[in-house]
PDB file of all heavy atoms in Angstrom:
ATOM      1  N   ARG A   1      24.225  29.365  -1.903  1.00  0.00           N
ATOM      2  CA  ARG A   1      25.578  29.810  -1.563  1.00  0.00           C
ATOM      3  C   ARG A   1      25.991  29.266  -0.196  1.00  0.00           C
ATOM      4  O   ARG A   1      27.175  29.003   0.044  1.00  0.00           O
ATOM      5  CB  ARG A   1      25.643  31.338  -1.571  1.00  0.00           C
ATOM      6  CG  ARG A   1      27.054  31.901  -1.487  1.00  0.00           C
ATOM      7  CD  ARG A   1      27.070  33.372  -1.817  1.00  0.00           C
ATOM      8  NE  ARG A   1      26.283  34.158  -0.885  1.00  0.00           N
ATOM      9  CZ  ARG A   1      26.074  35.474  -1.004  1.00  0.00           C
ATOM     10  NH1 ARG A   1      26.593  36.125  -2.045  1.00  0.00           N
ATOM     11  NH2 ARG A   1      25.355  36.134  -0.114  1.00  0.00           N
ATOM     12  N   GLU A   2      25.009  29.055   0.676  1.00  0.00           N
ATOM     13  CA  GLU A   2      25.287  28.483   1.989  1.00  0.00           C
ATOM     14  C   GLU A   2      25.572  26.986   1.905  1.00  0.00           C
ATOM     15  O   GLU A   2      26.335  26.444   2.703  1.00  0.00           O
ATOM     16  CB  GLU A   2      24.102  28.727   2.932  1.00  0.00           C
ATOM     17  CG  GLU A   2      23.809  30.189   3.212  1.00  0.00           C
ATOM     18  CD  GLU A   2      24.960  30.866   3.926  1.00  0.00           C
ATOM     19  OE1 GLU A   2      25.504  30.282   4.886  1.00  0.00           O
ATOM     20  OE2 GLU A   2      25.335  31.988   3.515  1.00  0.00           O
ATOM     21  N   THR A   3      24.959  26.304   0.962  1.00  0.00           N
ATOM     22  CA  THR A   3      25.092  24.844   0.875  1.00  0.00           C
ATOM     23  C   THR A   3      26.176  24.402  -0.108  1.00  0.00           C
ATOM     24  O   THR A   3      26.503  23.215  -0.166  1.00  0.00           O
ATOM     25  CB  THR A   3      23.766  24.204   0.425  1.00  0.00           C
ATOM     26  OG1 THR A   3      23.502  24.564  -0.944  1.00  0.00           O
ATOM     27  CG2 THR A   3      22.602  24.669   1.303  1.00  0.00           C
ATOM     28  N   GLY A   4      26.701  25.344  -0.890  1.00  0.00           N
ATOM     29  CA  GLY A   4      27.632  24.966  -1.945  1.00  0.00           C
ATOM     30  C   GLY A   4      26.930  24.377  -3.154  1.00  0.00           C
ATOM     31  O   GLY A   4      27.544  23.659  -3.948  1.00  0.00           O
ATOM     32  N   GLY A   5      25.652  24.679  -3.305  1.00  0.00           N
ATOM     33  CA  GLY A   5      24.866  24.115  -4.394  1.00  0.00           C
ATOM     34  C   GLY A   5      24.814  25.011  -5.615  1.00  0.00           C
ATOM     35  O   GLY A   5      25.458  26.064  -5.686  1.00  0.00           O
ATOM     36  N   HIS A   6      24.031  24.578  -6.598  1.00  0.00           N
ATOM     37  CA  HIS A   6      23.913  25.305  -7.863  1.00  0.00           C
ATOM     38  C   HIS A   6      22.472  25.254  -8.359  1.00  0.00           C
ATOM     39  O   HIS A   6      21.782  24.233  -8.202  1.00  0.00           O
ATOM     40  CB  HIS A   6      24.839  24.703  -8.919  1.00  0.00           C
ATOM     41  CG  HIS A   6      24.859  25.472 -10.207  1.00  0.00           C
ATOM     42  ND1 HIS A   6      23.990  25.205 -11.239  1.00  0.00           N
ATOM     43  CD2 HIS A   6      25.632  26.511 -10.621  1.00  0.00           C
ATOM     44  CE1 HIS A   6      24.232  26.038 -12.238  1.00  0.00           C
ATOM     45  NE2 HIS A   6      25.217  26.842 -11.890  1.00  0.00           N
ATOM     46  N   LEU A   7      22.023  26.348  -8.951  1.00  0.00           N
ATOM     47  CA  LEU A   7      20.685  26.452  -9.524  1.00  0.00           C
ATOM     48  C   LEU A   7      20.769  26.637 -11.027  1.00  0.00           C
ATOM     49  O   LEU A   7      21.525  27.472 -11.518  1.00  0.00           O
ATOM     50  CB  LEU A   7      19.938  27.655  -8.927  1.00  0.00           C
ATOM     51  CG  LEU A   7      18.618  28.058  -9.622  1.00  0.00           C
ATOM     52  CD1 LEU A   7      17.546  26.987  -9.404  1.00  0.00           C
ATOM     53  CD2 LEU A   7      18.131  29.420  -9.121  1.00  0.00           C
ATOM     54  N   THR A   8      19.980  25.850 -11.755  1.00  0.00           N
ATOM     55  CA  THR A   8      19.733  26.098 -13.168  1.00  0.00           C
ATOM     56  C   THR A   8      18.314  26.622 -13.289  1.00  0.00           C
ATOM     57  O   THR A   8      17.364  25.965 -12.832  1.00  0.00           O
ATOM     58  CB  THR A   8      19.881  24.821 -14.007  1.00  0.00           C
ATOM     59  OG1 THR A   8      21.223  24.329 -13.883  1.00  0.00           O
ATOM     60  CG2 THR A   8      19.590  25.113 -15.475  1.00  0.00           C
ATOM     61  N   THR A   9      18.151  27.811 -13.857  1.00  0.00           N
ATOM     62  CA  THR A   9      16.825  28.401 -13.999  1.00  0.00           C
ATOM     63  C   THR A   9      16.532  28.639 -15.464  1.00  0.00           C
ATOM     64  O   THR A   9      17.411  29.054 -16.230  1.00  0.00           O
ATOM     65  CB  THR A   9      16.699  29.713 -13.191  1.00  0.00           C
ATOM     66  OG1 THR A   9      15.371  30.231 -13.334  1.00  0.00           O
ATOM     67  CG2 THR A   9      17.713  30.761 -13.628  1.00  0.00           C
ATOM     68  N   ILE A  10      15.315  28.348 -15.884  1.00  0.00           N
ATOM     69  CA  ILE A  10      14.924  28.404 -17.290  1.00  0.00           C
ATOM     70  C   ILE A  10      13.849  29.466 -17.481  1.00  0.00           C
ATOM     71  O   ILE A  10      12.867  29.504 -16.734  1.00  0.00           O
ATOM     72  CB  ILE A  10      14.388  27.036 -17.758  1.00  0.00           C
ATOM     73  CG1 ILE A  10      15.438  25.939 -17.533  1.00  0.00           C
ATOM     74  CG2 ILE A  10      14.002  27.091 -19.237  1.00  0.00           C
ATOM     75  CD1 ILE A  10      14.917  24.531 -17.760  1.00  0.00           C
ATOM     76  N   GLU A  11      14.040  30.312 -18.478  1.00  0.00           N
ATOM     77  CA  GLU A  11      13.067  31.362 -18.796  1.00  0.00           C
ATOM     78  C   GLU A  11      12.712  31.302 -20.278  1.00  0.00           C
ATOM     79  O   GLU A  11      13.585  31.315 -21.143  1.00  0.00           O
ATOM     80  CB  GLU A  11      13.625  32.739 -18.447  1.00  0.00           C
ATOM     81  CG  GLU A  11      12.804  33.912 -18.934  1.00  0.00           C
ATOM     82  CD  GLU A  11      11.327  33.841 -18.540  1.00  0.00           C
ATOM     83  OE1 GLU A  11      11.035  33.467 -17.383  1.00  0.00           O
ATOM     84  OE2 GLU A  11      10.467  34.121 -19.394  1.00  0.00           O
ATOM     85  N   TYR A  12      11.414  31.243 -20.563  1.00  0.00           N
ATOM     86  CA  TYR A  12      10.928  31.099 -21.935  1.00  0.00           C
ATOM     87  C   TYR A  12      11.252  32.318 -22.792  1.00  0.00           C
ATOM     88  O   TYR A  12      11.704  32.193 -23.933  1.00  0.00           O
ATOM     89  CB  TYR A  12       9.414  30.866 -21.918  1.00  0.00           C
ATOM     90  CG  TYR A  12       8.795  30.756 -23.287  1.00  0.00           C
ATOM     91  CD1 TYR A  12       8.832  29.552 -23.982  1.00  0.00           C
ATOM     92  CD2 TYR A  12       8.181  31.852 -23.881  1.00  0.00           C
ATOM     93  CE1 TYR A  12       8.267  29.444 -25.244  1.00  0.00           C
ATOM     94  CE2 TYR A  12       7.623  31.754 -25.136  1.00  0.00           C
ATOM     95  CZ  TYR A  12       7.665  30.551 -25.817  1.00  0.00           C
ATOM     96  OH  TYR A  12       7.110  30.457 -27.069  1.00  0.00           O
ATOM     97  N   ASP A  13      11.033  33.518 -22.248  1.00  0.00           N
ATOM     98  CA  ASP A  13      11.207  34.749 -23.003  1.00  0.00           C
ATOM     99  C   ASP A  13      12.686  35.137 -23.061  1.00  0.00           C
ATOM    100  O   ASP A  13      13.334  35.303 -22.017  1.00  0.00           O
ATOM    101  CB  ASP A  13      10.392  35.873 -22.356  1.00  0.00           C
ATOM    102  CG  ASP A  13      10.463  37.165 -23.137  1.00  0.00           C
ATOM    103  OD1 ASP A  13       9.676  37.346 -24.070  1.00  0.00           O
ATOM    104  OD2 ASP A  13      11.339  37.999 -22.809  1.00  0.00           O
ATOM    105  N   ALA A  14      13.227  35.299 -24.262  1.00  0.00           N
ATOM    106  CA  ALA A  14      14.665  35.535 -24.410  1.00  0.00           C
ATOM    107  C   ALA A  14      15.108  36.849 -23.779  1.00  0.00           C
ATOM    108  O   ALA A  14      16.181  36.921 -23.154  1.00  0.00           O
ATOM    109  CB  ALA A  14      15.032  35.527 -25.893  1.00  0.00           C
ATOM    110  N   ALA A  15      14.306  37.904 -23.925  1.00  0.00           N
ATOM    111  CA  ALA A  15      14.672  39.199 -23.345  1.00  0.00           C
ATOM    112  C   ALA A  15      14.679  39.121 -21.828  1.00  0.00           C
ATOM    113  O   ALA A  15      15.590  39.654 -21.166  1.00  0.00           O
ATOM    114  CB  ALA A  15      13.714  40.281 -23.832  1.00  0.00           C
ATOM    115  N   ARG A  16      13.670  38.457 -21.266  1.00  0.00           N
ATOM    116  CA  ARG A  16      13.644  38.314 -19.807  1.00  0.00           C
ATOM    117  C   ARG A  16      14.813  37.465 -19.326  1.00  0.00           C
ATOM    118  O   ARG A  16      15.392  37.737 -18.256  1.00  0.00           O
ATOM    119  CB  ARG A  16      12.320  37.709 -19.340  1.00  0.00           C
ATOM    120  CG  ARG A  16      11.140  38.663 -19.412  1.00  0.00           C
ATOM    121  CD  ARG A  16       9.988  38.203 -18.535  1.00  0.00           C
ATOM    122  NE  ARG A  16       9.432  36.945 -18.956  1.00  0.00           N
ATOM    123  CZ  ARG A  16       8.344  36.815 -19.726  1.00  0.00           C
ATOM    124  NH1 ARG A  16       7.718  37.880 -20.169  1.00  0.00           N
ATOM    125  NH2 ARG A  16       7.883  35.627 -20.048  1.00  0.00           N
ATOM    126  N   ALA A  17      15.166  36.441 -20.085  1.00  0.00           N
ATOM    127  CA  ALA A  17      16.293  35.592 -19.699  1.00  0.00           C
ATOM    128  C   ALA A  17      17.588  36.393 -19.661  1.00  0.00           C
ATOM    129  O   ALA A  17      18.416  36.213 -18.760  1.00  0.00           O
ATOM    130  CB  ALA A  17      16.424  34.412 -20.664  1.00  0.00           C
ATOM    131  N   ARG A  18      17.785  37.278 -20.630  1.00  0.00           N
ATOM    132  CA  ARG A  18      18.989  38.114 -20.622  1.00  0.00           C
ATOM    133  C   ARG A  18      19.003  39.036 -19.406  1.00  0.00           C
ATOM    134  O   ARG A  18      20.051  39.217 -18.765  1.00  0.00           O
ATOM    135  CB  ARG A  18      19.062  38.928 -21.918  1.00  0.00           C
ATOM    136  CG  ARG A  18      19.397  38.105 -23.155  1.00  0.00           C
ATOM    137  CD  ARG A  18      19.746  38.996 -24.335  1.00  0.00           C
ATOM    138  NE  ARG A  18      18.600  39.795 -24.776  1.00  0.00           N
ATOM    139  CZ  ARG A  18      17.730  39.402 -25.692  1.00  0.00           C
ATOM    140  NH1 ARG A  18      17.844  38.205 -26.253  1.00  0.00           N
ATOM    141  NH2 ARG A  18      16.726  40.188 -26.052  1.00  0.00           N
ATOM    142  N   THR A  19      17.853  39.611 -19.096  1.00  0.00           N
ATOM    143  CA  THR A  19      17.771  40.476 -17.918  1.00  0.00           C
ATOM    144  C   THR A  19      18.015  39.683 -16.648  1.00  0.00           C
ATOM    145  O   THR A  19      18.708  40.142 -15.730  1.00  0.00           O
ATOM    146  CB  THR A  19      16.399  41.156 -17.850  1.00  0.00           C
ATOM    147  OG1 THR A  19      16.195  41.937 -19.036  1.00  0.00           O
ATOM    148  CG2 THR A  19      16.291  42.068 -16.629  1.00  0.00           C
ATOM    149  N   ALA A  20      17.465  38.474 -16.585  1.00  0.00           N
ATOM    150  CA  ALA A  20      17.670  37.629 -15.408  1.00  0.00           C
ATOM    151  C   ALA A  20      19.144  37.313 -15.220  1.00  0.00           C
ATOM    152  O   ALA A  20      19.672  37.381 -14.104  1.00  0.00           O
ATOM    153  CB  ALA A  20      16.862  36.334 -15.536  1.00  0.00           C
ATOM    154  N   ALA A  21      19.825  36.965 -16.310  1.00  0.00           N
ATOM    155  CA  ALA A  21      21.253  36.647 -16.221  1.00  0.00           C
ATOM    156  C   ALA A  21      22.047  37.859 -15.746  1.00  0.00           C
ATOM    157  O   ALA A  21      22.990  37.732 -14.948  1.00  0.00           O
ATOM    158  CB  ALA A  21      21.764  36.165 -17.571  1.00  0.00           C
ATOM    159  N   ASP A  22      21.675  39.039 -16.226  1.00  0.00           N
ATOM    160  CA  ASP A  22      22.373  40.257 -15.799  1.00  0.00           C
ATOM    161  C   ASP A  22      22.108  40.535 -14.325  1.00  0.00           C
ATOM    162  O   ASP A  22      23.023  40.928 -13.581  1.00  0.00           O
ATOM    163  CB  ASP A  22      21.913  41.439 -16.655  1.00  0.00           C
ATOM    164  CG  ASP A  22      22.698  42.706 -16.348  1.00  0.00           C
ATOM    165  OD1 ASP A  22      23.940  42.679 -16.455  1.00  0.00           O
ATOM    166  OD2 ASP A  22      22.076  43.722 -15.978  1.00  0.00           O
ATOM    167  N   ASN A  23      20.875  40.327 -13.885  1.00  0.00           N
ATOM    168  CA  ASN A  23      20.556  40.551 -12.466  1.00  0.00           C
ATOM    169  C   ASN A  23      21.298  39.557 -11.572  1.00  0.00           C
ATOM    170  O   ASN A  23      21.767  39.921 -10.486  1.00  0.00           O
ATOM    171  CB  ASN A  23      19.051  40.455 -12.243  1.00  0.00           C
ATOM    172  CG  ASN A  23      18.304  41.664 -12.788  1.00  0.00           C
ATOM    173  OD1 ASN A  23      18.862  42.760 -12.889  1.00  0.00           O
ATOM    174  ND2 ASN A  23      17.047  41.468 -13.147  1.00  0.00           N
ATOM    175  N   VAL A  24      21.396  38.328 -12.021  1.00  0.00           N
ATOM    176  CA  VAL A  24      22.162  37.326 -11.265  1.00  0.00           C
ATOM    177  C   VAL A  24      23.625  37.746 -11.164  1.00  0.00           C
ATOM    178  O   VAL A  24      24.249  37.637 -10.099  1.00  0.00           O
ATOM    179  CB  VAL A  24      22.026  35.941 -11.934  1.00  0.00           C
ATOM    180  CG1 VAL A  24      23.072  34.970 -11.390  1.00  0.00           C
ATOM    181  CG2 VAL A  24      20.627  35.379 -11.718  1.00  0.00           C
ATOM    182  N   ARG A  25      24.169  38.242 -12.266  1.00  0.00           N
ATOM    183  CA  ARG A  25      25.562  38.717 -12.258  1.00  0.00           C
ATOM    184  C   ARG A  25      25.734  39.873 -11.284  1.00  0.00           C
ATOM    185  O   ARG A  25      26.684  39.911 -10.495  1.00  0.00           O
ATOM    186  CB  ARG A  25      25.965  39.151 -13.665  1.00  0.00           C
ATOM    187  CG  ARG A  25      27.382  39.711 -13.769  1.00  0.00           C
ATOM    188  CD  ARG A  25      27.630  40.388 -15.103  1.00  0.00           C
ATOM    189  NE  ARG A  25      26.706  41.488 -15.345  1.00  0.00           N
ATOM    190  CZ  ARG A  25      26.818  42.699 -14.781  1.00  0.00           C
ATOM    191  NH1 ARG A  25      27.819  42.952 -13.935  1.00  0.00           N
ATOM    192  NH2 ARG A  25      25.938  43.645 -15.069  1.00  0.00           N
ATOM    193  N   ARG A  26      24.796  40.818 -11.319  1.00  0.00           N
ATOM    194  CA  ARG A  26      24.878  41.980 -10.427  1.00  0.00           C
ATOM    195  C   ARG A  26      24.752  41.564  -8.966  1.00  0.00           C
ATOM    196  O   ARG A  26      25.291  42.236  -8.077  1.00  0.00           O
ATOM    197  CB  ARG A  26      23.793  42.997 -10.780  1.00  0.00           C
ATOM    198  CG  ARG A  26      23.972  43.648 -12.141  1.00  0.00           C
ATOM    199  CD  ARG A  26      22.769  44.498 -12.499  1.00  0.00           C
ATOM    200  NE  ARG A  26      22.577  45.598 -11.540  1.00  0.00           N
ATOM    201  CZ  ARG A  26      21.457  46.308 -11.454  1.00  0.00           C
ATOM    202  NH1 ARG A  26      20.419  46.034 -12.230  1.00  0.00           N
ATOM    203  NH2 ARG A  26      21.369  47.291 -10.585  1.00  0.00           N
ATOM    204  N   ALA A  27      24.058  40.471  -8.724  1.00  0.00           N
ATOM    205  CA  ALA A  27      23.908  39.967  -7.355  1.00  0.00           C
ATOM    206  C   ALA A  27      25.139  39.198  -6.891  1.00  0.00           C
ATOM    207  O   ALA A  27      25.202  38.777  -5.730  1.00  0.00           O
ATOM    208  CB  ALA A  27      22.679  39.073  -7.266  1.00  0.00           C
ATOM    209  N   GLY A  28      26.111  39.001  -7.791  1.00  0.00           N
ATOM    210  CA  GLY A  28      27.315  38.264  -7.431  1.00  0.00           C
ATOM    211  C   GLY A  28      27.104  36.770  -7.339  1.00  0.00           C
ATOM    212  O   GLY A  28      27.830  36.075  -6.619  1.00  0.00           O
ATOM    213  N   LEU A  29      26.133  36.252  -8.100  1.00  0.00           N
ATOM    214  CA  LEU A  29      25.774  34.838  -7.998  1.00  0.00           C
ATOM    215  C   LEU A  29      25.986  34.075  -9.309  1.00  0.00           C
ATOM    216  O   LEU A  29      25.417  33.001  -9.494  1.00  0.00           O
ATOM    217  CB  LEU A  29      24.310  34.703  -7.553  1.00  0.00           C
ATOM    218  CG  LEU A  29      23.998  35.164  -6.129  1.00  0.00           C
ATOM    219  CD1 LEU A  29      22.492  35.243  -5.918  1.00  0.00           C
ATOM    220  CD2 LEU A  29      24.630  34.231  -5.107  1.00  0.00           C
ATOM    221  N   SER A  30      26.799  34.608 -10.204  1.00  0.00           N
ATOM    222  CA  SER A  30      26.980  33.966 -11.501  1.00  0.00           C
ATOM    223  C   SER A  30      27.544  32.553 -11.386  1.00  0.00           C
ATOM    224  O   SER A  30      27.282  31.701 -12.240  1.00  0.00           O
ATOM    225  CB  SER A  30      27.901  34.809 -12.380  1.00  0.00           C
ATOM    226  OG  SER A  30      27.291  36.047 -12.701  1.00  0.00           O
ATOM    227  N   GLU A  31      28.342  32.290 -10.342  1.00  0.00           N
ATOM    228  CA  GLU A  31      28.897  30.946 -10.165  1.00  0.00           C
ATOM    229  C   GLU A  31      27.912  29.993  -9.497  1.00  0.00           C
ATOM    230  O   GLU A  31      28.146  28.789  -9.472  1.00  0.00           O
ATOM    231  CB  GLU A  31      30.185  31.024  -9.348  1.00  0.00           C
ATOM    232  CG  GLU A  31      31.313  31.784 -10.044  1.00  0.00           C
ATOM    233  CD  GLU A  31      32.597  31.762  -9.250  1.00  0.00           C
ATOM    234  OE1 GLU A  31      32.593  31.185  -8.136  1.00  0.00           O
ATOM    235  OE2 GLU A  31      33.598  32.324  -9.728  1.00  0.00           O
ATOM    236  N   VAL A  32      26.830  30.545  -8.964  1.00  0.00           N
ATOM    237  CA  VAL A  32      25.828  29.741  -8.256  1.00  0.00           C
ATOM    238  C   VAL A  32      24.600  29.483  -9.124  1.00  0.00           C
ATOM    239  O   VAL A  32      23.956  28.437  -9.009  1.00  0.00           O
ATOM    240  CB  VAL A  32      25.413  30.435  -6.944  1.00  0.00           C
ATOM    241  CG1 VAL A  32      24.364  29.628  -6.190  1.00  0.00           C
ATOM    242  CG2 VAL A  32      26.626  30.683  -6.062  1.00  0.00           C
ATOM    243  N   VAL A  33      24.276  30.427 -10.014  1.00  0.00           N
ATOM    244  CA  VAL A  33      23.041  30.366 -10.802  1.00  0.00           C
ATOM    245  C   VAL A  33      23.361  30.429 -12.292  1.00  0.00           C
ATOM    246  O   VAL A  33      24.081  31.326 -12.745  1.00  0.00           O
ATOM    247  CB  VAL A  33      22.092  31.525 -10.440  1.00  0.00           C
ATOM    248  CG1 VAL A  33      20.814  31.462 -11.296  1.00  0.00           C
ATOM    249  CG2 VAL A  33      21.747  31.504  -8.955  1.00  0.00           C
ATOM    250  N   THR A  34      22.824  29.476 -13.055  1.00  0.00           N
ATOM    251  CA  THR A  34      22.919  29.483 -14.516  1.00  0.00           C
ATOM    252  C   THR A  34      21.539  29.734 -15.094  1.00  0.00           C
ATOM    253  O   THR A  34      20.577  29.038 -14.736  1.00  0.00           O
ATOM    254  CB  THR A  34      23.447  28.132 -15.047  1.00  0.00           C
ATOM    255  OG1 THR A  34      24.773  27.933 -14.555  1.00  0.00           O
ATOM    256  CG2 THR A  34      23.467  28.116 -16.565  1.00  0.00           C
TER     257      THR A  34
END
């Protein structure tokens, strides 16, 4: 967020990936992290 960059993160487990996406959203980083 400081650099104007973007992260793509990959998770093998589908349930964990959904939780990760929700946590990223709750952190206010949905535009920074996919």
